[in-house]
Amino acid sequence: MTVVLITDALRQANMKVTIHDMGRTNYVDFVLAVVIDEPLDIWYAAKAMDGLHVTASVKGNMLFFPEMKLSAEDYRYICDAY
């Protein structure tokens, strides 16, 4: 599963795609995330990714995908949309 495919699916559902630093190491460990303004947004994100089989976690107002580590290209793709 590619980060771009999931990013595009989330954007098509009007989700606020962003980047989350897992903070597990001494270096930056970025993964794909979406901003959750209200709990119902989690349902919309799940619906947008139906059939994509990714694992998500929630931290604060972020739904993030620990398996979706970002490469430099993925990082630029996400940032270029804003």
Protein backbone atom coordinates (compact mmCIF):
# COMPACT_ATOMS: atom_id res chain seq x y z
CA MET A 1 0.00 0.00 0.00
CA THR A 2 1.45 3.34 -0.95
CA VAL A 3 1.28 6.50 1.08
CA VAL A 4 0.16 8.43 -2.03
CA LEU A 5 -2.82 6.11 -2.59
CA ILE A 6 -3.99 6.47 1.01
CA THR A 7 -3.31 10.23 1.01
CA ASP A 8 -5.41 10.66 -2.12
CA ALA A 9 -8.26 8.57 -0.69
CA LEU A 10 -8.29 10.66 2.49
CA ARG A 11 -8.14 13.94 0.56
CA GLN A 12 -11.05 12.88 -1.64
CA ALA A 13 -13.04 12.48 1.58
CA ASN A 14 -12.05 16.04 2.56
CA MET A 15 -9.86 14.84 5.42
CA LYS A 16 -7.05 17.11 6.64
CA VAL A 17 -4.01 15.01 5.76
CA THR A 18 -0.91 15.83 7.77
CA ILE A 19 2.29 14.38 9.20
CA HIS A 20 2.92 12.92 12.65
CA ASP A 21 6.32 12.35 14.29
CA MET A 22 6.20 9.01 16.11
CA GLY A 23 8.93 10.25 18.49
CA ARG A 24 10.23 6.74 19.13
CA THR A 25 13.87 7.44 18.35
CA ASN A 26 16.47 10.17 18.40
CA TYR A 27 15.74 10.95 14.76
CA VAL A 28 12.54 12.05 13.05
CA ASP A 29 10.14 9.21 12.30
CA PHE A 30 7.29 10.71 10.25
CA VAL A 31 4.09 8.82 9.44
CA LEU A 32 0.89 9.71 7.63
CA ALA A 33 -1.87 11.24 9.78
CA VAL A 34 -5.16 13.12 9.58
CA VAL A 35 -6.55 15.81 11.86
CA ILE A 36 -9.67 14.79 13.75
CA ASP A 37 -11.90 17.74 14.57
CA GLU A 38 -14.63 15.55 16.05
CA PRO A 39 -14.99 11.82 16.74
CA LEU A 40 -17.20 11.30 13.67
CA ASP A 41 -14.17 12.18 11.51
CA ILE A 42 -12.69 8.79 12.44
CA TRP A 43 -15.67 7.09 10.79
CA TYR A 44 -15.25 9.20 7.66
CA ALA A 45 -11.56 8.34 7.48
CA ALA A 46 -12.33 4.63 7.86
CA LYS A 47 -14.95 4.85 5.14
CA ALA A 48 -12.49 6.62 2.81
CA MET A 49 -9.95 3.85 3.33
CA ASP A 50 -12.39 0.95 3.01
CA GLY A 51 -10.52 -2.00 1.56
CA LEU A 52 -7.07 -0.46 1.96
CA HIS A 53 -6.24 -2.52 5.09
CA VAL A 54 -4.19 -0.10 7.15
CA THR A 55 -3.88 0.12 10.91
CA ALA A 56 -4.63 3.42 12.63
CA SER A 57 -4.10 4.82 16.10
CA VAL A 58 -5.46 7.93 17.80
CA LYS A 59 -3.43 10.43 19.78
CA GLY A 60 -5.10 13.66 20.81
CA ASN A 61 -6.78 15.07 17.72
CA MET A 62 -4.72 12.94 15.30
CA LEU A 63 -5.54 9.68 13.61
CA PHE A 64 -2.18 8.34 12.48
CA PHE A 65 -0.96 5.31 10.59
CA PRO A 66 2.18 3.81 12.20
CA GLU A 67 2.82 1.51 9.23
CA MET A 68 2.77 4.40 6.74
CA LYS A 69 6.28 5.77 7.22
CA LEU A 70 7.01 8.73 4.98
CA SER A 71 9.85 8.96 2.53
CA ALA A 72 11.18 12.35 1.45
CA GLU A 73 8.96 12.12 -1.65
CA ASP A 74 5.88 11.28 0.44
CA TYR A 75 6.64 14.22 2.74
CA ARG A 76 6.84 16.62 -0.22
CA TYR A 77 3.64 15.19 -1.73
CA ILE A 78 1.73 15.90 1.48
CA CYS A 79 3.24 19.35 2.01
CA ASP A 80 2.77 20.45 -1.61
CA ALA A 81 -1.00 20.25 -1.25
CA TYR A 82 -0.95 23.21 1.15
